Amino acid sequence: MIPGITRYASTRDLLVSAQQQARHRPGRPRVRIVAAWRPLAELPLPGTAELDALAADLDADLIRLRPERERRPGRERDVWHCTLRAHPDSPPLPDARWAEAARRVLAATGIAPVGDAPACRWIALRVDSHEVRIIAPLARPDGRPPGLERDLSRAMAVCQLLDVESRRLAAAPSAGSRTGPVRSTPPPTQKPTAAPPGHRSR
């Protein structure tokens, strides 16, 4: 898994970009949210009809804390974007594994530490079988700046660890596997052989 991190000025543009990217992928995969800062059932869908509502929901703290950015569109690159890509020849990961990867990257980079309730809002969008995009406007509801020191190197460390864990899971024997031969019936009990006539024991 390889991370790529960039900064953008518009959450909505990133959502549109994800939709456009999916249209050019084989099979035209449907973009879907695999993880977010709050339960997925409470979020608007990332489809075109609800795209504006989803962007506004993500940007709520950003707009509240920095209203001047709306008067200077395109100047403030305060939307964090991370692309996580798995090797194209590797088996597709389930949504739960991508969600775990996104949460661990966000925790390591300081955008959404574990147990930190007033963290930045974020979503993880799956755009095809081997890629997820994380979008996080850099604004905490408490007004404190998120810690973003060495975010790329920390994201890379998390991805390397995830790769190691995936290889271990793939190499581990299944619960029902056995290393030795399995007998369908127990071996017969051997009866003691009678001594031949005229044999005298010592």
Protein backbone atom coordinates (compact mmCIF):
# COMPACT_ATOMS: atom_id res chain seq x y z
CA MET A 1 0.00 0.00 0.00
CA ILE A 2 1.38 3.39 -1.02
CA PRO A 3 0.17 6.79 0.32
CA GLY A 4 0.20 10.07 -1.58
CA ILE A 5 -0.60 13.33 0.22
CA THR A 6 -1.59 16.70 -1.27
CA ARG A 7 -3.39 19.86 -0.17
CA TYR A 8 -6.41 21.35 -1.93
CA ALA A 9 -8.58 24.44 -1.57
CA SER A 10 -11.96 22.81 -2.20
CA THR A 11 -13.56 19.76 -0.63
CA ARG A 12 -16.22 19.78 -3.32
CA ASP A 13 -13.63 19.66 -6.11
CA LEU A 14 -12.08 16.58 -4.51
CA LEU A 15 -15.46 14.85 -4.37
CA VAL A 16 -16.09 15.68 -8.02
CA SER A 17 -12.62 14.43 -8.93
CA ALA A 18 -13.29 11.09 -7.23
CA GLN A 19 -16.51 10.67 -9.22
CA GLN A 20 -14.77 11.51 -12.50
CA GLN A 21 -11.90 9.16 -11.75
CA ALA A 22 -14.28 6.25 -11.12
CA ARG A 23 -16.02 6.82 -14.46
CA HIS A 24 -12.76 6.14 -16.29
CA ARG A 25 -11.95 2.94 -14.40
CA PRO A 26 -12.78 -0.51 -15.81
CA GLY A 27 -16.32 -1.44 -14.88
CA ARG A 28 -17.11 2.15 -13.80
CA PRO A 29 -17.05 1.38 -10.05
CA ARG A 30 -19.45 3.20 -7.77
CA VAL A 31 -17.75 5.62 -5.40
CA ARG A 32 -18.72 4.85 -1.83
CA ILE A 33 -17.79 5.97 1.67
CA VAL A 34 -16.07 3.20 3.65
CA ALA A 35 -15.33 5.21 6.81
CA ALA A 36 -15.92 8.68 8.26
CA TRP A 37 -15.68 10.74 11.42
CA ARG A 38 -19.27 9.83 12.29
CA PRO A 39 -21.67 6.95 11.43
CA LEU A 40 -22.06 6.49 7.68
CA ALA A 41 -25.85 6.33 7.91
CA GLU A 42 -25.88 9.98 9.04
CA LEU A 43 -23.97 11.25 5.99
CA PRO A 44 -25.19 12.32 2.57
CA LEU A 45 -24.12 9.97 -0.19
CA PRO A 46 -21.14 10.93 -2.36
CA GLY A 47 -23.27 10.76 -5.53
CA THR A 48 -23.86 13.82 -7.68
CA ALA A 49 -27.31 14.57 -6.24
CA GLU A 50 -26.01 14.91 -2.66
CA LEU A 51 -22.46 15.96 -3.38
CA ASP A 52 -22.97 19.59 -2.34
CA ALA A 53 -24.57 18.53 0.94
CA LEU A 54 -21.67 16.18 1.71
CA ALA A 55 -19.09 18.88 0.94
CA ALA A 56 -20.92 21.38 3.17
CA ASP A 57 -21.08 18.83 5.99
CA LEU A 58 -17.34 18.19 5.79
CA ASP A 59 -16.53 21.92 5.58
CA ALA A 60 -18.79 23.01 8.47
CA ASP A 61 -15.98 23.59 11.01
CA LEU A 62 -13.69 25.05 8.35
CA ILE A 63 -16.25 27.67 7.31
CA ARG A 64 -17.20 28.49 10.89
CA LEU A 65 -13.60 29.05 11.97
CA ARG A 66 -12.34 30.69 8.77
CA PRO A 67 -15.21 32.54 7.11
CA GLU A 68 -12.77 34.74 5.19
CA ARG A 69 -11.68 31.78 3.06
CA GLU A 70 -15.03 31.92 1.23
CA ARG A 71 -14.17 35.41 0.00
CA ARG A 72 -10.84 34.19 -1.40
CA PRO A 73 -11.71 30.93 -3.19
CA GLY A 74 -8.76 28.85 -4.25
CA ARG A 75 -6.18 30.60 -2.05
CA GLU A 76 -6.39 28.58 1.17
CA ARG A 77 -5.15 25.02 0.63
CA ASP A 78 -6.48 23.72 3.93
CA VAL A 79 -8.15 20.50 2.75
CA TRP A 80 -5.94 17.46 3.34
CA HIS A 81 -6.10 14.70 0.74
CA CYS A 82 -4.45 11.28 0.98
CA THR A 83 -4.64 8.58 -1.67
CA LEU A 84 -4.00 5.01 -0.53
CA ARG A 85 -3.20 2.59 -3.35
CA ALA A 86 -2.69 -1.15 -3.13
CA HIS A 87 -0.66 -3.04 -5.72
CA PRO A 88 -2.88 -3.72 -8.76
CA ASP A 89 -1.91 -7.41 -8.76
CA SER A 90 -2.84 -7.92 -5.11
CA PRO A 91 -6.25 -9.34 -4.12
CA PRO A 92 -8.86 -6.58 -3.56
CA LEU A 93 -9.16 -5.59 0.09
CA PRO A 94 -12.58 -5.59 1.79
CA ASP A 95 -14.12 -2.27 2.82
CA ALA A 96 -13.42 -3.02 6.49
CA ARG A 97 -9.68 -3.32 5.80
CA TRP A 98 -9.65 -0.03 3.87
CA ALA A 99 -11.57 1.64 6.70
CA GLU A 100 -9.00 0.38 9.22
CA ALA A 101 -6.16 1.65 7.02
CA ALA A 102 -7.75 5.10 6.75
CA ARG A 103 -8.29 5.39 10.52
CA ARG A 104 -4.74 4.34 11.29
CA VAL A 105 -3.28 6.83 8.82
CA LEU A 106 -5.43 9.63 10.22
CA ALA A 107 -4.42 8.75 13.78
CA ALA A 108 -0.71 8.58 12.95
CA THR A 109 -0.68 11.88 11.09
CA GLY A 110 -2.47 13.73 13.91
CA ILE A 111 -5.62 14.60 11.96
CA ALA A 112 -7.88 12.26 13.90
CA PRO A 113 -6.02 10.71 16.86
CA VAL A 114 -7.66 7.75 18.58
CA GLY A 115 -9.98 8.92 21.36
CA ASP A 116 -9.77 12.59 20.33
CA ALA A 117 -13.40 13.64 20.00
CA PRO A 118 -12.81 17.21 18.71
CA ALA A 119 -10.75 16.02 15.75
CA CYS A 120 -11.05 17.08 12.12
CA ARG A 121 -13.94 15.85 10.02
CA TRP A 122 -12.98 13.32 7.36
CA ILE A 123 -14.22 10.65 5.00
CA ALA A 124 -12.57 7.76 3.17
CA LEU A 125 -13.91 7.18 -0.36
CA ARG A 126 -13.34 3.92 -2.20
CA VAL A 127 -12.95 4.73 -5.89
CA ASP A 128 -12.07 1.24 -7.13
CA SER A 129 -10.90 -2.15 -5.89
CA HIS A 130 -7.33 -0.96 -5.17
CA GLU A 131 -7.67 2.70 -4.18
CA VAL A 132 -9.16 4.81 -1.39
CA ARG A 133 -9.12 8.58 -1.04
CA ILE A 134 -9.16 10.29 2.36
CA ILE A 135 -10.51 13.86 2.47
CA ALA A 136 -10.14 15.94 5.65
CA PRO A 137 -10.69 19.70 5.96
CA LEU A 138 -8.01 20.87 8.40
CA ALA A 139 -10.19 22.46 11.07
CA ARG A 140 -10.87 21.13 14.55
CA PRO A 141 -14.11 22.22 16.24
CA ASP A 142 -12.15 23.45 19.26
CA GLY A 143 -10.09 25.78 17.05
CA ARG A 144 -6.72 24.15 17.75
CA PRO A 145 -4.62 23.33 14.68
CA PRO A 146 -4.15 19.61 13.96
CA GLY A 147 -0.66 18.25 14.40
CA LEU A 148 0.67 17.50 10.93
CA GLU A 149 4.40 17.09 11.41
CA ARG A 150 5.91 14.61 8.94
CA ASP A 151 2.46 13.46 7.82
CA LEU A 152 3.76 11.71 4.69
CA SER A 153 6.50 9.76 6.47
CA ARG A 154 4.06 8.70 9.19
CA ALA A 155 1.49 7.62 6.61
CA MET A 156 4.17 5.60 4.81
CA ALA A 157 5.14 3.88 8.06
CA VAL A 158 1.52 2.90 8.69
CA CYS A 159 1.16 1.54 5.15
CA GLN A 160 4.34 -0.52 5.47
CA LEU A 161 3.04 -2.01 8.71
CA LEU A 162 -0.31 -2.79 7.08
CA ASP A 163 1.49 -4.59 4.25
CA VAL A 164 3.45 -6.69 6.73
CA GLU A 165 0.26 -7.59 8.58
CA SER A 166 -1.48 -8.53 5.32
CA ARG A 167 1.38 -10.83 4.33
CA ARG A 168 1.28 -12.52 7.73
CA LEU A 169 -2.46 -13.08 7.45
CA ALA A 170 -2.06 -14.53 3.96
CA ALA A 171 0.72 -16.88 5.11
CA ALA A 172 -1.00 -18.05 8.30
CA PRO A 173 -2.60 -21.54 8.07
CA SER A 174 -6.35 -21.65 8.30
CA ALA A 175 -7.99 -22.73 11.53
CA GLY A 176 -9.02 -26.08 10.08
CA SER A 177 -5.67 -26.97 8.53
CA ARG A 178 -3.42 -29.62 10.05
CA THR A 179 0.25 -30.24 9.60
CA GLY A 180 0.14 -34.06 9.83
CA PRO A 181 -1.95 -36.79 8.21
CA VAL A 182 -5.47 -37.22 9.47
CA ARG A 183 -6.81 -40.70 10.21
CA SER A 184 -10.46 -41.35 9.48
CA THR A 185 -10.63 -44.23 12.01
CA PRO A 186 -8.44 -45.05 14.99
CA PRO A 187 -5.81 -47.76 14.41
CA PRO A 188 -6.90 -51.26 15.51
CA THR A 189 -5.72 -52.45 18.89
CA GLN A 190 -3.11 -55.17 18.48
CA LYS A 191 -3.81 -58.25 20.61
CA PRO A 192 -0.88 -59.95 22.37
CA THR A 193 0.46 -62.98 20.50
CA ALA A 194 0.14 -66.29 22.36
CA ALA A 195 3.41 -68.08 23.09
CA PRO A 196 3.98 -71.21 20.94
CA PRO A 197 3.51 -74.62 22.59
CA GLY A 198 6.53 -75.79 24.53
CA HIS A 199 7.87 -72.28 25.02
CA ARG A 200 9.04 -71.62 28.56
CA SER A 201 9.38 -68.09 29.77
CA ARG A 202 12.40 -67.13 31.82
